Amino acid sequence: MTLFHFTGIKGSGMSSLAQILHDSSHVVQGSDVEKYFFTEDPLRERKIKILPFDENNIEPGMTIIAGNAFPDSHPEIVKANELGLEVIRYHDFLGEYMKKSISIGVTGSHGKTSTTGLLAHVLTGNSPTSYLIGDGTGKGVEDNKYFVFEACEYKRHFLAYDPDYAIMTNIDFDHPDYFKDLDDVLDAFSQMALRVKKAIIACGDDIHLQQIHANVPVVYYGFGDNNDFAAKNIVKSEQGSTFDVYVRNEFFHNFKIQLTGDHAILNALGVIAICQYEGVAISDMESRLATFSGVKRRFSVTESDGKVIVDDYAHHPTEIEATLQSAHQKYPDKEIIAIFQPHTFTRTAALLPQFAESLASADHVYLCDIFGSAREKAGNLSIKDLVDKIPGAKHLEMDDIRVLDEHGDAVYLFMGAGDIQKYMNIFKEHTEQEETA
């Protein structure tokens, strides 16, 4: 039996894929840095071996799945090539693996992970479904009917896939370390659209997705009446949202979701559209939509000493606006405190004014030092450049976390794709100590 070795197993997609192969009765192990990442938790639950990076991990008979963050010069990949082993990049392996199922890729600049998680949750209640979610969650089911996966646009990796269906949530300028401009992003999504084999489910409220051309039907969803699937009669509350769905201007059904914010309704519409297209029973859609509580690091809530602490992956202005909107809907009577850590110098520099504008609806703003990532360690700006653009904003250092106490029983939104959780965990520990004092 083949032993699959994952070089970079703690990556969000790599962890998910390792879980899928393990669940499907394959032998799996992997290696990575020793630093803790939340994506390793489901690997350890499955008792999947995680080793420190070392060329001696590579032995004859293995198949190497290499994470996209690691170059061909990585010692493990070099050793594998010396031994003549098969080395397959993550996205190439995934593209081949999904061909045995009805594959549904979820892509877009924002909302991929939440929509993938919701779609997997709904379809699992109807048919055997394997899924790969960008929060490090994966599940493999033998003889699965569906394969649901998150398709990332970064470096055009999603062009390795030929899915039966694609849900496209939106198109926005991001990843400025790779994409030159918005037109470059549009070009990548246009190429992706041409690879879809059966149908595309796209958000018709996004002006860029309205320009998508494909060789298959494009079904649009959104709030506007011009969409094939439209949400109307929306009622929002602290418990979530209810809304009527109209299919080509005819009433289809009323649905309820636990999640807050317009983006959550749009994600649900995309899932409803693909399920209707695949003939999933309305009762299955209704019950599963109502019981979905979200994915990891997307408005994940804990409470301590009267304080609401939210962990969220938002790292782009559009995502920050959506997270703040959710907070205002769910906690209308509380102050909203935004604690944001920019992710990468290139993104921060390219979108500096948009970051300042997106944080405007918070009652108070604290900014942490820019997280450089493995791709770039430094840049030509600092967090002060963003602080200066937001009236009243303050620079927050880890040693000064107690300064947040002055806001009392508020909602504390910790947002970012770097190590913002370090700040959040220190704040949690501090509030728990206050609670027991």
Protein backbone atom coordinates (compact mmCIF):
# COMPACT_ATOMS: atom_id res chain seq x y z
CA MET A 1 0.00 0.00 0.00
CA THR A 2 1.28 3.47 -0.92
CA LEU A 3 2.40 5.72 1.92
CA PHE A 4 1.52 9.35 1.19
CA HIS A 5 3.95 11.81 2.76
CA PHE A 6 2.77 15.44 2.92
CA THR A 7 5.55 18.03 2.88
CA GLY A 8 3.89 20.95 4.66
CA ILE A 9 1.02 18.98 6.18
CA LYS A 10 -0.15 21.82 8.45
CA GLY A 11 -1.19 24.01 5.50
CA SER A 12 -4.96 24.49 5.48
CA GLY A 13 -5.52 22.67 2.19
CA MET A 14 -2.81 20.08 2.86
CA SER A 15 -4.25 19.21 6.27
CA SER A 16 -7.71 18.79 4.76
CA LEU A 17 -6.43 16.58 1.94
CA ALA A 18 -4.45 14.42 4.37
CA GLN A 19 -7.64 13.89 6.39
CA ILE A 20 -9.54 12.90 3.24
CA LEU A 21 -6.95 10.30 2.23
CA HIS A 22 -6.75 8.93 5.78
CA ASP A 23 -10.54 8.62 6.01
CA SER A 24 -10.52 6.82 2.65
CA SER A 25 -8.23 4.09 4.07
CA HIS A 26 -4.89 5.37 2.76
CA VAL A 27 -1.73 5.47 4.88
CA VAL A 28 -0.75 9.07 5.53
CA GLN A 29 1.99 10.98 7.34
CA GLY A 30 3.50 14.42 6.96
CA SER A 31 6.05 16.98 8.06
CA ASP A 32 6.10 20.67 8.88
CA VAL A 33 7.57 23.30 11.18
CA GLU A 34 7.19 22.60 14.89
CA LYS A 35 5.19 25.79 15.54
CA TYR A 36 1.56 25.07 16.46
CA PHE A 37 -1.22 25.72 13.90
CA PHE A 38 -4.89 25.01 14.55
CA THR A 39 -4.99 23.00 11.31
CA GLU A 40 -3.00 20.23 12.99
CA ASP A 41 -5.72 19.43 15.54
CA PRO A 42 -7.81 17.18 13.24
CA LEU A 43 -4.62 15.41 12.12
CA ARG A 44 -3.71 14.56 15.69
CA GLU A 45 -7.27 13.43 16.40
CA ARG A 46 -6.82 10.90 13.60
CA LYS A 47 -3.36 9.96 14.93
CA ILE A 48 -1.74 11.01 11.64
CA LYS A 49 2.02 11.20 12.20
CA ILE A 50 3.44 14.76 12.04
CA LEU A 51 7.23 14.99 11.83
CA PRO A 52 9.63 17.95 11.82
CA PHE A 53 10.97 18.77 8.35
CA ASP A 54 13.89 16.45 7.62
CA GLU A 55 15.16 14.90 4.41
CA ASN A 56 15.46 11.61 6.29
CA ASN A 57 11.66 11.49 6.49
CA ILE A 58 11.70 10.53 2.80
CA GLU A 59 12.04 6.81 2.12
CA PRO A 60 11.67 4.50 -0.90
CA GLY A 61 8.09 3.57 -1.79
CA MET A 62 6.51 6.85 -0.74
CA THR A 63 4.44 9.21 -2.84
CA ILE A 64 5.18 12.83 -1.91
CA ILE A 65 2.45 15.46 -1.92
CA ALA A 66 4.21 18.82 -1.76
CA GLY A 67 2.62 21.97 -0.40
CA ASN A 68 2.64 24.92 -2.77
CA ALA A 69 4.47 27.11 -0.24
CA PHE A 70 7.65 25.02 -0.56
CA PRO A 71 10.04 25.27 -3.52
CA ASP A 72 11.63 22.37 -5.37
CA SER A 73 14.82 23.15 -3.43
CA HIS A 74 13.21 22.05 -0.14
CA PRO A 75 15.41 19.24 1.32
CA GLU A 76 12.55 16.72 1.42
CA ILE A 77 11.63 17.35 -2.21
CA VAL A 78 15.28 17.18 -3.27
CA LYS A 79 15.65 13.83 -1.46
CA ALA A 80 12.46 12.49 -3.06
CA ASN A 81 13.74 13.38 -6.53
CA GLU A 82 17.09 11.74 -5.77
CA LEU A 83 15.25 8.53 -4.85
CA GLY A 84 13.13 8.74 -8.00
CA LEU A 85 9.88 9.05 -6.04
CA GLU A 86 6.73 10.59 -7.41
CA VAL A 87 6.38 14.20 -6.22
CA ILE A 88 2.98 15.75 -6.84
CA ARG A 89 2.04 19.32 -6.04
CA TYR A 90 -1.05 19.74 -3.85
CA HIS A 91 -3.27 21.31 -6.51
CA ASP A 92 -2.25 18.77 -9.16
CA PHE A 93 -3.04 15.83 -6.88
CA LEU A 94 -6.38 17.35 -5.90
CA GLY A 95 -7.32 17.97 -9.54
CA GLU A 96 -6.82 14.31 -10.36
CA TYR A 97 -8.36 12.95 -7.16
CA MET A 98 -11.73 14.65 -7.60
CA LYS A 99 -12.42 13.14 -11.02
CA LYS A 100 -14.08 10.04 -9.54
CA SER A 101 -16.94 12.09 -8.02
CA ILE A 102 -19.36 14.87 -8.90
CA SER A 103 -17.02 17.72 -8.07
CA ILE A 104 -18.16 21.14 -6.89
CA GLY A 105 -15.51 23.83 -6.53
CA VAL A 106 -16.18 26.96 -4.50
CA THR A 107 -14.11 29.92 -5.56
CA GLY A 108 -14.06 33.70 -5.26
CA SER A 109 -11.95 36.39 -3.65
CA HIS A 110 -13.98 36.23 -0.41
CA GLY A 111 -16.36 33.77 1.23
CA LYS A 112 -14.86 30.57 -0.18
CA THR A 113 -14.33 28.82 3.13
CA SER A 114 -17.72 29.67 4.66
CA THR A 115 -19.57 28.68 1.48
CA THR A 116 -17.62 25.43 1.11
CA GLY A 117 -18.37 24.54 4.72
CA LEU A 118 -22.07 25.28 4.28
CA LEU A 119 -22.31 23.31 1.03
CA ALA A 120 -20.53 20.32 2.59
CA HIS A 121 -22.88 20.46 5.59
CA VAL A 122 -26.00 20.54 3.41
CA LEU A 123 -24.96 17.85 0.92
CA THR A 124 -23.74 15.53 3.68
CA GLY A 125 -27.34 15.37 4.91
CA ASN A 126 -28.44 14.15 1.49
CA SER A 127 -25.72 11.98 -0.08
CA PRO A 128 -22.25 10.56 0.70
CA THR A 129 -19.98 13.60 0.40
CA SER A 130 -16.24 14.10 0.74
CA TYR A 131 -15.07 17.64 1.34
CA LEU A 132 -12.02 19.85 1.62
CA ILE A 133 -12.51 23.16 3.44
CA GLY A 134 -9.95 25.95 3.68
CA ASP A 135 -10.14 26.10 7.46
CA GLY A 136 -8.14 22.88 7.66
CA THR A 137 -11.19 20.59 7.78
CA GLY A 138 -11.48 17.57 5.52
CA LYS A 139 -13.45 14.35 5.38
CA GLY A 140 -13.16 11.41 3.05
CA VAL A 141 -16.07 9.07 2.39
CA GLU A 142 -15.56 5.92 0.37
CA ASP A 143 -17.96 5.61 -2.57
CA ASN A 144 -18.86 9.29 -2.19
CA LYS A 145 -21.25 10.87 -4.68
CA TYR A 146 -20.00 14.45 -4.23
CA PHE A 147 -16.60 16.02 -3.74
CA VAL A 148 -16.87 19.57 -2.40
CA PHE A 149 -13.70 21.63 -2.32
CA GLU A 150 -12.36 25.13 -1.93
CA ALA A 151 -10.61 26.38 -5.07
CA CYS A 152 -8.03 29.09 -4.39
CA GLU A 153 -7.16 31.62 -7.08
CA TYR A 154 -3.69 32.43 -5.69
CA LYS A 155 -1.03 31.87 -8.37
CA ARG A 156 -3.87 30.52 -10.53
CA HIS A 157 -3.71 27.20 -8.69
CA PHE A 158 -7.40 26.60 -9.39
CA LEU A 159 -6.57 26.11 -13.07
CA ALA A 160 -5.44 22.59 -12.14
CA TYR A 161 -9.10 21.68 -11.59
CA ASP A 162 -11.88 20.71 -14.02
CA PRO A 163 -14.90 20.66 -11.71
CA ASP A 164 -18.38 19.62 -12.72
CA TYR A 165 -19.77 22.72 -11.01
CA ALA A 166 -18.34 25.92 -9.61
CA ILE A 167 -19.83 28.40 -7.16
CA MET A 168 -18.26 31.83 -7.70
CA THR A 169 -18.87 34.18 -4.77
CA ASN A 170 -17.22 37.41 -6.01
CA ILE A 171 -14.15 38.86 -7.72
CA ASP A 172 -11.99 41.47 -6.00
CA PHE A 173 -8.38 42.65 -6.15
CA ASP A 174 -6.29 40.69 -3.67
CA HIS A 175 -2.93 38.90 -3.51
CA PRO A 176 -1.03 41.93 -4.90
CA ASP A 177 2.23 39.99 -4.46
CA TYR A 178 1.06 37.88 -7.43
CA PHE A 179 -1.75 39.58 -9.34
CA LYS A 180 -0.81 42.81 -11.14
CA ASP A 181 -4.24 44.43 -10.93
CA LEU A 182 -7.97 43.69 -11.01
CA ASP A 183 -7.84 42.85 -14.72
CA ASP A 184 -5.27 40.15 -13.96
CA VAL A 185 -7.61 38.68 -11.32
CA LEU A 186 -10.53 38.81 -13.79
CA ASP A 187 -8.42 36.98 -16.35
CA ALA A 188 -7.69 34.18 -13.87
CA PHE A 189 -11.38 33.71 -13.01
CA SER A 190 -12.31 33.84 -16.69
CA GLN A 191 -9.88 31.01 -17.38
CA MET A 192 -11.31 29.05 -14.45
CA ALA A 193 -14.87 29.49 -15.75
CA LEU A 194 -13.90 27.83 -19.04
CA ARG A 195 -12.79 24.69 -17.16
CA VAL A 196 -16.19 24.03 -15.54
CA LYS A 197 -18.04 21.09 -17.14
CA LYS A 198 -21.73 21.38 -16.14
CA ALA A 199 -22.75 24.76 -14.69
CA ILE A 200 -21.53 27.83 -12.83
CA ILE A 201 -23.45 29.28 -9.89
CA ALA A 202 -22.36 32.93 -9.63
CA CYS A 203 -23.31 35.93 -7.50
CA GLY A 204 -25.15 38.20 -9.91
CA ASP A 205 -24.83 41.19 -7.57
CA ASP A 206 -21.08 41.21 -8.27
CA ILE A 207 -20.45 43.41 -11.33
CA HIS A 208 -17.31 41.48 -12.25
CA LEU A 209 -19.04 38.09 -12.23
CA GLN A 210 -21.66 39.51 -14.58
CA GLN A 211 -18.87 39.61 -17.18
CA ILE A 212 -17.98 35.92 -16.85
CA HIS A 213 -18.19 33.89 -20.06
CA ALA A 214 -18.38 30.12 -19.99
CA ASN A 215 -19.14 27.09 -22.12
CA VAL A 216 -21.81 25.97 -19.64
CA PRO A 217 -24.94 27.63 -18.18
CA VAL A 218 -24.28 30.42 -15.66
CA VAL A 219 -26.96 30.61 -12.94
CA TYR A 220 -26.98 33.85 -10.95
CA TYR A 221 -27.98 34.40 -7.34
CA GLY A 222 -28.27 37.55 -5.21
CA PHE A 223 -30.55 40.21 -3.82
CA GLY A 224 -31.43 41.83 -7.15
CA ASP A 225 -34.61 40.84 -9.02
CA ASN A 226 -32.56 40.12 -12.14
CA ASN A 227 -31.00 37.03 -10.51
CA ASP A 228 -32.19 33.49 -11.20
CA PHE A 229 -32.21 32.86 -7.42
CA ALA A 230 -33.14 35.92 -5.38
CA ALA A 231 -33.52 36.47 -1.63
CA LYS A 232 -36.49 38.64 -0.65
CA ASN A 233 -38.50 39.53 2.46
CA ILE A 234 -35.37 39.31 4.59
CA VAL A 235 -35.77 39.48 8.36
CA LYS A 236 -32.58 39.91 10.39
CA SER A 237 -32.18 39.35 14.12
CA GLU A 238 -29.53 38.55 16.68
CA GLN A 239 -30.29 34.85 16.04
CA GLY A 240 -29.63 35.01 12.28
CA SER A 241 -31.76 35.68 9.21
CA THR A 242 -34.86 34.35 7.49
CA PHE A 243 -35.63 35.00 3.85
CA ASP A 244 -37.80 33.89 0.95
CA VAL A 245 -36.08 32.47 -2.12
CA TYR A 246 -37.57 33.18 -5.52
CA VAL A 247 -36.45 31.13 -8.51
CA ARG A 248 -36.84 33.14 -11.70
CA ASN A 249 -39.39 35.37 -9.93
CA GLU A 250 -41.50 32.49 -8.60
CA PHE A 251 -41.61 31.73 -4.87
CA PHE A 252 -39.53 28.67 -4.00
CA HIS A 253 -39.27 28.40 -0.20
CA ASN A 254 -38.54 30.24 3.03
CA PHE A 255 -35.21 29.49 4.72
CA LYS A 256 -33.58 30.30 8.04
CA ILE A 257 -29.87 30.51 8.84
CA GLN A 258 -28.05 31.02 12.14
CA LEU A 259 -25.33 33.22 10.67
CA THR A 260 -25.52 37.00 10.46
CA GLY A 261 -24.66 39.50 7.73
CA ASP A 262 -25.62 39.92 4.08
CA HIS A 263 -22.69 37.76 2.99
CA ALA A 264 -24.13 34.78 4.93
CA ILE A 265 -27.43 35.10 3.04
CA LEU A 266 -25.57 35.25 -0.28
CA ASN A 267 -23.52 32.16 0.62
CA ALA A 268 -26.74 30.32 1.47
CA LEU A 269 -28.30 31.36 -1.86
CA GLY A 270 -25.37 29.91 -3.78
CA VAL A 271 -25.72 26.62 -1.90
CA ILE A 272 -29.49 26.54 -2.43
CA ALA A 273 -28.99 27.10 -6.16
CA ILE A 274 -26.55 24.20 -6.60
CA CYS A 275 -28.73 21.92 -4.48
CA GLN A 276 -31.83 22.77 -6.50
CA TYR A 277 -29.84 22.14 -9.69
CA GLU A 278 -28.83 18.70 -8.34
CA GLY A 279 -32.36 17.80 -7.19
CA VAL A 280 -31.72 17.88 -3.42
CA ALA A 281 -35.00 17.79 -1.48
CA ILE A 282 -36.19 21.13 -0.09
CA SER A 283 -36.67 19.56 3.35
CA ASP A 284 -32.98 18.52 3.38
CA MET A 285 -31.88 22.02 2.36
CA GLU A 286 -34.08 23.64 4.99
CA SER A 287 -33.00 21.50 7.93
CA ARG A 288 -29.30 21.55 7.12
CA LEU A 289 -29.16 25.30 6.44
CA ALA A 290 -30.83 25.95 9.79
CA THR A 291 -28.28 23.85 11.70
CA PHE A 292 -25.04 25.21 10.23
CA SER A 293 -23.08 27.19 12.82
CA GLY A 294 -20.08 28.18 10.72
CA VAL A 295 -16.49 27.14 10.04
CA LYS A 296 -13.28 27.67 12.00
CA ARG A 297 -11.99 31.21 12.37
CA ARG A 298 -15.06 32.75 10.67
CA PHE A 299 -16.84 34.72 13.39
CA SER A 300 -15.98 32.10 16.01
CA VAL A 301 -17.41 33.35 19.32
CA THR A 302 -16.41 32.74 22.93
CA GLU A 303 -17.54 34.67 26.00
CA SER A 304 -15.50 35.47 29.09
CA ASP A 305 -16.29 37.73 32.07
CA GLY A 306 -19.15 39.38 30.16
CA LYS A 307 -16.97 40.08 27.13
CA VAL A 308 -17.76 38.66 23.66
CA ILE A 309 -14.53 37.59 21.93
CA VAL A 310 -14.65 36.87 18.20
CA ASP A 311 -11.93 35.16 16.18
CA ASP A 312 -12.17 35.93 12.46
CA TYR A 313 -9.93 35.36 9.44
CA ALA A 314 -10.89 38.68 7.79
CA HIS A 315 -7.75 40.13 6.19
CA HIS A 316 -9.11 42.14 3.25
CA PRO A 317 -11.21 45.34 3.44
CA THR A 318 -14.26 43.63 1.95
CA GLU A 319 -14.05 40.86 4.55
CA ILE A 320 -13.58 43.33 7.40
CA GLU A 321 -16.74 45.20 6.36
CA ALA A 322 -18.68 41.92 6.27
CA THR A 323 -17.40 40.88 9.71
CA LEU A 324 -18.30 44.23 11.24
CA GLN A 325 -21.77 44.06 9.69
CA SER A 326 -22.27 40.63 11.26
CA ALA A 327 -21.17 41.95 14.64
CA HIS A 328 -23.59 44.89 14.52
CA GLN A 329 -26.48 42.56 13.58
CA LYS A 330 -25.71 39.95 16.24
CA TYR A 331 -24.87 42.42 19.02
CA PRO A 332 -26.84 45.61 18.29
CA ASP A 333 -26.57 46.95 21.84
CA LYS A 334 -22.84 46.44 22.39
CA GLU A 335 -19.78 48.47 21.45
CA ILE A 336 -17.72 46.87 18.69
CA ILE A 337 -13.95 46.89 19.27
CA ALA A 338 -11.91 46.00 16.16
CA ILE A 339 -8.45 44.54 16.76
CA PHE A 340 -6.91 44.03 13.34
CA GLN A 341 -3.58 42.68 12.17
CA PRO A 342 -2.77 43.37 8.48
CA HIS A 343 -1.46 40.36 6.57
CA THR A 344 1.51 40.94 4.23
CA PHE A 345 3.16 44.24 3.44
CA THR A 346 2.16 44.14 -0.24
CA ARG A 347 -1.56 43.81 0.57
CA THR A 348 -1.37 46.53 3.24
CA ALA A 349 0.40 48.94 0.89
CA ALA A 350 -1.87 48.24 -2.07
CA LEU A 351 -5.12 48.62 -0.09
CA LEU A 352 -4.18 51.12 2.63
CA PRO A 353 -7.07 53.59 2.07
CA GLN A 354 -9.58 50.73 1.75
CA PHE A 355 -8.43 49.22 5.05
CA ALA A 356 -8.97 52.55 6.79
CA GLU A 357 -12.45 52.90 5.29
CA SER A 358 -13.48 49.32 6.08
CA LEU A 359 -12.74 49.75 9.79
CA ALA A 360 -14.79 52.94 10.07
CA SER A 361 -17.95 51.28 11.43
CA ALA A 362 -16.15 49.95 14.54
CA ASP A 363 -16.56 51.96 17.72
CA HIS A 364 -12.84 51.65 18.52
CA VAL A 365 -9.91 50.41 16.42
CA TYR A 366 -6.66 48.83 17.56
CA LEU A 367 -3.99 47.84 15.03
CA CYS A 368 -1.29 45.21 15.50
CA ASP A 369 2.05 45.12 13.69
CA ILE A 370 1.89 43.86 10.10
CA PHE A 371 2.32 40.09 9.77
CA GLY A 372 4.87 39.54 7.02
CA SER A 373 4.21 35.84 6.15
CA ALA A 374 6.72 33.35 4.80
CA ARG A 375 6.74 35.08 1.40
CA GLU A 376 7.84 38.52 2.63
CA LYS A 377 9.52 39.48 5.89
CA ALA A 378 9.53 43.27 5.52
CA GLY A 379 8.15 46.16 3.50
CA ASN A 380 8.35 49.90 2.95
CA LEU A 381 5.63 50.78 5.45
CA SER A 382 4.69 50.08 9.05
CA ILE A 383 1.47 49.82 11.02
CA LYS A 384 1.83 53.56 11.80
CA ASP A 385 0.89 54.32 8.18
CA LEU A 386 -2.52 52.73 8.77
CA VAL A 387 -2.93 54.12 12.29
CA ASP A 388 -2.48 57.64 10.89
CA LYS A 389 -5.35 57.12 8.43
CA ILE A 390 -7.96 56.15 11.06
CA PRO A 391 -9.10 58.83 13.53
CA GLY A 392 -8.72 57.54 17.09
CA ALA A 393 -6.99 54.30 16.09
CA LYS A 394 -4.26 53.00 18.39
CA HIS A 395 -1.25 50.76 17.90
CA LEU A 396 -1.66 47.63 20.06
CA GLU A 397 1.34 45.66 21.22
CA MET A 398 1.09 42.27 22.86
CA ASP A 399 2.44 43.56 26.17
CA ASP A 400 -0.28 46.24 26.31
CA ILE A 401 -3.32 43.97 25.95
CA ARG A 402 -4.76 45.28 29.23
CA VAL A 403 -5.56 48.58 27.51
CA LEU A 404 -8.64 46.85 26.06
CA ASP A 405 -10.14 46.58 29.56
CA GLU A 406 -11.40 50.15 29.40
CA HIS A 407 -14.16 49.07 27.00
CA GLY A 408 -15.80 46.68 29.45
CA ASP A 409 -18.49 44.26 28.27
CA ALA A 410 -18.06 44.91 24.56
CA VAL A 411 -17.57 42.77 21.45
CA TYR A 412 -13.87 42.28 20.73
CA LEU A 413 -13.25 41.36 17.09
CA PHE A 414 -9.79 39.88 16.55
CA MET A 415 -9.30 39.89 12.77
CA GLY A 416 -6.42 38.77 10.58
CA ALA A 417 -4.73 35.90 8.73
CA GLY A 418 -1.40 36.05 10.58
CA ASP A 419 -0.88 35.34 14.26
CA ILE A 420 -3.66 37.58 15.61
CA GLN A 421 -4.74 34.60 17.72
CA LYS A 422 -1.71 35.21 19.95
CA TYR A 423 -3.17 38.58 20.90
CA MET A 424 -6.61 37.07 21.33
CA ASN A 425 -5.38 34.22 23.53
CA ILE A 426 -3.49 36.60 25.81
CA PHE A 427 -6.65 38.72 26.10
CA LYS A 428 -8.72 35.60 26.86
CA GLU A 429 -6.31 34.48 29.57
CA HIS A 430 -6.35 37.96 31.07
CA THR A 431 -10.18 38.15 31.14
CA GLU A 432 -10.45 34.65 32.60
CA GLN A 433 -8.09 35.66 35.40
CA GLU A 434 -10.23 38.75 36.02
CA GLU A 435 -13.33 36.55 36.14
CA THR A 436 -11.89 34.24 38.80
CA ALA A 437 -10.24 37.01 40.84
